[in-house]
Amino acid sequence: MVISTDNCLYVYDDATKVYSDWTNIVPSNLSETFSADNPNNTEIVLLPLDNRIITGPKVTQGGVCDCALLTVNELSLIEFKTNAKTVSNKTLEQRCREASSQILHTIDGIIKPKCSQKGIDIDKKVDIDAYIVFDSQLNVTSVQTIFQAIAMEVLEKNKLLLFVDNKKTFK
């Protein structure tokens, strides 16, 4: 867990560490990062979930999203699919569905139940949203309607805002 008040943070999946990390310096792999814009210099906590905070086969079965960014008011779950290098609509849709499944298992199968055990209704504590991050150099315009349909399914079934985007501005 790392805390920062920098006004711009770049979150990425670190292949060497095998978990998510961040930097406040523009990285060379910018297209494969999630940009957390923080104009109010709010305290943001990076929670590297997959392979770091959330481990063990019983818990991870069903998938775990890569990381989360947490403020006093917001929780943003992030799943990187930057290793997808194809522009095949079918493959991109499949990666998007995999990512949404991992995100939903993380929030509904792990985080919410753990919070409930402690008497915390996380939905009443913070605004929760989720992001699927593809390499921004990958042309995904042809599948935007598919991404939107998946996001609508997630919103209707799970009441979770899901975005296919590489950045967010925190309040």
Protein backbone atom coordinates (compact mmCIF):
# COMPACT_ATOMS: atom_id res chain seq x y z
CA MET A 1 0.00 0.00 0.00
CA VAL A 2 1.41 3.36 -1.07
CA ILE A 3 -0.07 6.84 -0.49
CA SER A 4 0.44 9.88 -2.71
CA THR A 5 -0.91 13.39 -3.13
CA ASP A 6 0.84 14.04 -6.46
CA ASN A 7 -1.33 15.73 -9.05
CA CYS A 8 -0.67 13.04 -11.67
CA LEU A 9 0.14 9.39 -11.10
CA TYR A 10 0.77 6.69 -13.68
CA VAL A 11 -0.36 3.23 -12.62
CA TYR A 12 0.97 0.21 -14.47
CA ASP A 13 1.23 -3.55 -14.27
CA ASP A 14 4.86 -4.24 -13.35
CA ALA A 15 5.97 -7.47 -15.06
CA THR A 16 9.12 -7.68 -12.92
CA LYS A 17 7.36 -7.27 -9.57
CA VAL A 18 4.30 -9.21 -10.84
CA TYR A 19 1.91 -6.67 -9.30
CA SER A 20 0.71 -3.13 -9.99
CA ASP A 21 2.80 -0.09 -9.13
CA TRP A 22 2.83 3.62 -9.90
CA THR A 23 5.08 6.57 -10.56
CA ASN A 24 4.68 10.34 -10.73
CA ILE A 25 7.17 10.53 -13.62
CA VAL A 26 5.85 10.08 -17.16
CA PRO A 27 6.93 6.51 -18.02
CA SER A 28 8.30 5.31 -21.34
CA ASN A 29 5.34 2.88 -21.61
CA LEU A 30 2.76 5.66 -21.16
CA SER A 31 0.28 3.98 -23.53
CA GLU A 32 0.11 0.98 -21.16
CA THR A 33 -0.62 2.98 -18.02
CA PHE A 34 -3.66 4.27 -16.17
CA SER A 35 -3.38 8.00 -15.51
CA ALA A 36 -4.78 9.17 -12.18
CA ASP A 37 -5.22 12.92 -12.44
CA ASN A 38 -5.39 14.46 -8.99
CA PRO A 39 -5.86 18.25 -9.38
CA ASN A 40 -6.85 18.73 -5.71
CA ASN A 41 -3.85 16.78 -4.43
CA THR A 42 -6.15 14.37 -2.61
CA GLU A 43 -4.53 11.48 -0.77
CA ILE A 44 -4.73 8.46 -3.07
CA VAL A 45 -3.82 4.98 -1.91
CA LEU A 46 -2.59 2.37 -4.38
CA LEU A 47 -3.78 -1.11 -3.43
CA PRO A 48 -1.93 -3.69 -5.56
CA LEU A 49 -4.52 -6.45 -5.24
CA ASP A 50 -3.60 -9.32 -7.57
CA ASN A 51 -0.53 -11.25 -6.42
CA ARG A 52 0.10 -8.82 -3.55
CA ILE A 53 -2.80 -8.07 -1.18
CA ILE A 54 -5.19 -10.75 -2.42
CA THR A 55 -3.50 -14.13 -2.70
CA GLY A 56 -4.31 -17.78 -2.19
CA PRO A 57 -6.18 -20.14 -4.52
CA LYS A 58 -9.47 -20.11 -2.59
CA VAL A 59 -9.76 -16.32 -2.69
CA THR A 60 -8.38 -15.73 -6.17
CA GLN A 61 -10.53 -18.41 -7.83
CA GLY A 62 -12.83 -16.42 -10.08
CA GLY A 63 -10.19 -13.80 -10.79
CA VAL A 64 -8.86 -10.71 -9.08
CA CYS A 65 -8.44 -7.31 -10.68
CA ASP A 66 -4.91 -5.94 -10.75
CA CYS A 67 -5.27 -3.02 -8.36
CA ALA A 68 -7.45 -0.35 -6.84
CA LEU A 69 -7.05 3.35 -6.16
CA LEU A 70 -8.71 4.53 -2.97
CA THR A 71 -9.49 7.99 -1.61
CA VAL A 72 -11.74 9.02 1.25
CA ASN A 73 -14.64 9.20 -1.23
CA GLU A 74 -13.75 6.93 -4.15
CA LEU A 75 -12.68 3.36 -4.91
CA SER A 76 -11.57 2.67 -8.48
CA LEU A 77 -10.84 -0.93 -9.45
CA ILE A 78 -8.42 -1.38 -12.36
CA GLU A 79 -7.76 -4.35 -14.61
CA PHE A 80 -4.95 -4.08 -17.15
CA LYS A 81 -5.37 -5.82 -20.51
CA THR A 82 -2.42 -4.01 -22.07
CA ASN A 83 -0.95 -7.31 -23.26
CA ALA A 84 -3.78 -7.57 -25.82
CA LYS A 85 -2.03 -6.60 -29.06
CA THR A 86 -4.61 -7.70 -31.60
CA VAL A 87 -7.32 -5.56 -33.14
CA SER A 88 -9.60 -8.55 -33.59
CA ASN A 89 -13.06 -7.56 -32.36
CA LYS A 90 -13.67 -11.04 -30.98
CA THR A 91 -10.42 -11.07 -28.99
CA LEU A 92 -10.95 -7.55 -27.63
CA GLU A 93 -14.49 -8.42 -26.58
CA GLN A 94 -13.21 -11.58 -24.89
CA ARG A 95 -10.52 -9.60 -22.99
CA CYS A 96 -13.12 -7.04 -21.94
CA ARG A 97 -15.46 -9.74 -20.65
CA GLU A 98 -12.58 -11.44 -18.78
CA ALA A 99 -11.64 -8.12 -17.20
CA SER A 100 -15.21 -7.32 -16.16
CA SER A 101 -15.50 -10.78 -14.63
CA GLN A 102 -12.29 -10.27 -12.64
CA ILE A 103 -13.48 -6.85 -11.47
CA LEU A 104 -16.90 -8.16 -10.44
CA HIS A 105 -15.40 -11.09 -8.53
CA THR A 106 -13.02 -8.71 -6.77
CA ILE A 107 -15.77 -6.36 -5.60
CA ASP A 108 -18.71 -8.75 -5.14
CA GLY A 109 -16.83 -11.92 -4.17
CA ILE A 110 -14.00 -10.51 -2.05
CA ILE A 111 -14.21 -6.83 -1.03
CA LYS A 112 -17.92 -6.50 -0.21
CA PRO A 113 -18.10 -9.77 1.79
CA LYS A 114 -14.95 -8.87 3.78
CA CYS A 115 -16.35 -5.41 4.52
CA SER A 116 -19.73 -6.90 5.51
CA GLN A 117 -17.97 -9.21 7.98
CA LYS A 118 -16.70 -6.05 9.68
CA GLY A 119 -20.12 -4.40 9.58
CA ILE A 120 -19.19 -2.02 6.76
CA ASP A 121 -21.46 -1.32 3.78
CA ILE A 122 -18.80 -0.16 1.34
CA ASP A 123 -21.41 1.13 -1.11
CA LYS A 124 -22.41 3.71 1.49
CA LYS A 125 -18.81 4.68 2.31
CA VAL A 126 -17.32 5.37 -1.14
CA ASP A 127 -18.30 5.78 -4.78
CA ILE A 128 -17.11 2.68 -6.62
CA ASP A 129 -16.20 2.48 -10.28
CA ALA A 130 -14.01 0.24 -12.42
CA TYR A 131 -11.64 0.59 -15.35
CA ILE A 132 -10.42 -1.81 -18.01
CA VAL A 133 -7.15 -0.56 -19.44
CA PHE A 134 -6.02 -1.49 -22.94
CA ASP A 135 -2.86 -0.15 -24.57
CA SER A 136 -3.97 3.29 -25.78
CA GLN A 137 -1.99 2.78 -29.01
CA LEU A 138 -4.28 -0.11 -29.87
CA ASN A 139 -7.11 1.06 -32.12
CA VAL A 140 -10.25 -0.12 -30.33
CA THR A 141 -12.77 2.21 -31.99
CA SER A 142 -14.35 -0.64 -33.93
CA VAL A 143 -15.39 -2.33 -30.67
CA GLN A 144 -16.59 0.73 -28.72
CA THR A 145 -20.23 -0.35 -29.07
CA ILE A 146 -19.32 -3.80 -27.68
CA PHE A 147 -17.49 -2.17 -24.75
CA GLN A 148 -20.51 0.07 -24.09
CA ALA A 149 -22.86 -2.93 -24.16
CA ILE A 150 -20.68 -4.76 -21.61
CA ALA A 151 -20.56 -1.64 -19.43
CA MET A 152 -24.37 -1.38 -19.56
CA GLU A 153 -24.73 -5.07 -18.59
CA VAL A 154 -22.46 -4.52 -15.59
CA LEU A 155 -24.33 -1.36 -14.58
CA GLU A 156 -27.76 -2.99 -14.85
CA LYS A 157 -26.84 -6.28 -13.13
CA ASN A 158 -24.29 -5.07 -10.59
CA LYS A 159 -24.88 -1.31 -10.19
CA LEU A 160 -21.21 -0.70 -11.01
CA LEU A 161 -19.92 1.96 -13.39
CA LEU A 162 -17.45 0.27 -15.74
CA PHE A 163 -15.22 2.19 -18.13
CA VAL A 164 -12.82 1.10 -20.84
CA ASP A 165 -10.41 3.98 -20.37
CA ASN A 166 -6.83 4.80 -19.43
CA LYS A 167 -7.50 7.72 -17.12
CA LYS A 168 -9.60 9.23 -14.39
CA THR A 169 -9.70 12.58 -12.67
CA PHE A 170 -10.14 12.18 -8.93
CA LYS A 171 -12.29 14.70 -7.03
